[in-house]
Amino acid sequence: MRLVAELERALETEESPFRAQLLKEDIARLRKLEALTRSAPDAEAFKKAGMRLGWTQGDARTAELREPLEALLEAILSGEEARITTAWNELHRARMERLLGCLSTPVPKPAG
């Protein structure tokens, strides 16, 4: 998958420890998806397993990413590299929006 190679190249020059860690985790997930394309008995089993690869912490918020994640899984099944990249970019954008939203929410300070 061309996307994995692109992410590996990006990892080589990434200076931010946070982004480097995210790239490592994403590369591992995409490799798992590649393996699933070969081992899943059918498309439905592939999609079900692909939805539970830790796209969010403990997959607690993965349901919020259902639409772009399903688009990525379908693109991977199609094998169309351009479609995979487009779907990946949309999923990544949606995930970052969720992550940044969580990080920017103020935490109430304890009284006293």
Protein backbone atom coordinates (compact mmCIF):
# COMPACT_ATOMS: atom_id res chain seq x y z
CA MET A 1 0.00 0.00 0.00
CA ARG A 2 1.51 3.29 -1.12
CA LEU A 3 0.05 5.09 1.91
CA VAL A 4 2.15 3.02 4.33
CA ALA A 5 5.31 3.90 2.41
CA GLU A 6 4.38 7.60 2.49
CA LEU A 7 3.76 7.51 6.24
CA GLU A 8 7.06 5.68 6.81
CA ARG A 9 8.89 8.41 4.86
CA ALA A 10 7.12 11.09 6.89
CA LEU A 11 8.15 9.32 10.10
CA GLU A 12 11.84 9.46 9.10
CA THR A 13 11.84 13.27 9.20
CA GLU A 14 9.20 13.93 11.87
CA GLU A 15 10.57 16.09 14.68
CA SER A 16 7.52 16.14 16.93
CA PRO A 17 7.48 13.17 19.35
CA PHE A 18 3.67 13.32 19.42
CA ARG A 19 3.29 13.19 15.63
CA ALA A 20 6.01 10.52 15.38
CA GLN A 21 4.15 8.32 17.84
CA LEU A 22 0.87 8.82 15.98
CA LEU A 23 2.58 7.93 12.70
CA LYS A 24 3.99 4.72 14.21
CA GLU A 25 0.55 3.73 15.50
CA ASP A 26 -1.11 4.55 12.16
CA ILE A 27 1.48 2.55 10.22
CA ALA A 28 0.87 -0.43 12.50
CA ARG A 29 -2.92 -0.14 12.02
CA LEU A 30 -2.58 0.06 8.24
CA ARG A 31 -0.30 -2.99 8.20
CA LYS A 32 -2.92 -4.85 10.23
CA LEU A 33 -5.53 -3.83 7.67
CA GLU A 34 -3.28 -5.12 4.87
CA ALA A 35 -2.99 -8.44 6.68
CA LEU A 36 -6.75 -8.53 7.23
CA THR A 37 -7.37 -8.18 3.49
CA ARG A 38 -5.60 -11.51 3.09
CA SER A 39 -6.98 -13.31 6.14
CA ALA A 40 -10.58 -12.13 6.55
CA PRO A 41 -13.07 -14.62 5.12
CA ASP A 42 -15.14 -11.87 3.47
CA ALA A 43 -15.59 -8.10 3.18
CA GLU A 44 -17.98 -7.94 6.13
CA ALA A 45 -15.50 -9.70 8.44
CA PHE A 46 -12.74 -7.39 7.21
CA LYS A 47 -14.81 -4.29 7.95
CA LYS A 48 -15.86 -5.55 11.37
CA ALA A 49 -12.26 -6.30 12.38
CA GLY A 50 -11.00 -3.10 10.78
CA MET A 51 -13.34 -0.99 12.88
CA ARG A 52 -11.67 -2.30 16.07
CA LEU A 53 -7.97 -1.58 15.64
CA GLY A 54 -7.70 1.14 18.27
CA TRP A 55 -8.53 4.09 16.06
CA THR A 56 -9.29 5.99 19.26
CA GLN A 57 -8.13 5.26 22.81
CA GLY A 58 -9.58 1.84 23.62
CA ASP A 59 -11.89 2.34 20.60
CA ALA A 60 -14.10 4.34 22.99
CA ARG A 61 -14.86 7.01 20.38
CA THR A 62 -14.32 5.05 17.19
CA ALA A 63 -18.07 5.10 16.50
CA GLU A 64 -17.74 8.86 15.97
CA LEU A 65 -15.41 8.08 13.05
CA ARG A 66 -17.68 5.47 11.48
CA GLU A 67 -18.31 7.23 8.16
CA PRO A 68 -14.71 8.13 7.23
CA LEU A 69 -13.39 4.85 8.66
CA GLU A 70 -15.85 2.79 6.62
CA ALA A 71 -14.81 4.78 3.54
CA LEU A 72 -11.16 3.91 4.24
CA LEU A 73 -11.96 0.22 4.72
CA GLU A 74 -13.90 0.12 1.45
CA ALA A 75 -11.07 1.93 -0.33
CA ILE A 76 -8.52 -0.57 0.99
CA LEU A 77 -10.70 -3.43 -0.22
CA SER A 78 -10.86 -1.79 -3.65
CA GLY A 79 -7.07 -1.53 -3.82
CA GLU A 80 -7.34 1.86 -5.52
CA GLU A 81 -4.39 3.87 -4.18
CA ALA A 82 -5.87 7.31 -4.93
CA ARG A 83 -9.11 6.36 -3.22
CA ILE A 84 -7.17 5.02 -0.21
CA THR A 85 -5.23 8.27 0.13
CA THR A 86 -8.37 10.40 -0.12
CA ALA A 87 -10.18 8.28 2.46
CA TRP A 88 -7.15 8.30 4.76
CA ASN A 89 -6.90 12.08 4.62
CA GLU A 90 -10.55 12.41 5.58
CA LEU A 91 -10.24 9.91 8.43
CA HIS A 92 -7.08 11.60 9.72
CA ARG A 93 -8.78 15.01 9.62
CA ALA A 94 -11.81 13.72 11.52
CA ARG A 95 -9.63 12.00 14.15
CA MET A 96 -7.53 15.10 14.71
CA GLU A 97 -10.68 17.21 15.12
CA ARG A 98 -11.88 14.81 17.83
CA LEU A 99 -8.49 14.70 19.51
CA LEU A 100 -8.01 18.46 19.49
CA GLY A 101 -11.56 18.94 20.70
CA CYS A 102 -10.84 16.68 23.68
CA LEU A 103 -7.58 18.44 24.46
CA SER A 104 -9.08 21.92 24.24
CA THR A 105 -12.03 21.25 26.53
CA PRO A 106 -11.34 23.02 29.85
CA VAL A 107 -11.06 20.77 32.87
CA PRO A 108 -12.84 22.13 35.95
CA LYS A 109 -10.45 23.07 38.73
CA PRO A 110 -11.12 21.65 42.17
CA ALA A 111 -12.38 24.12 44.76
CA GLY A 112 -9.87 25.31 47.33
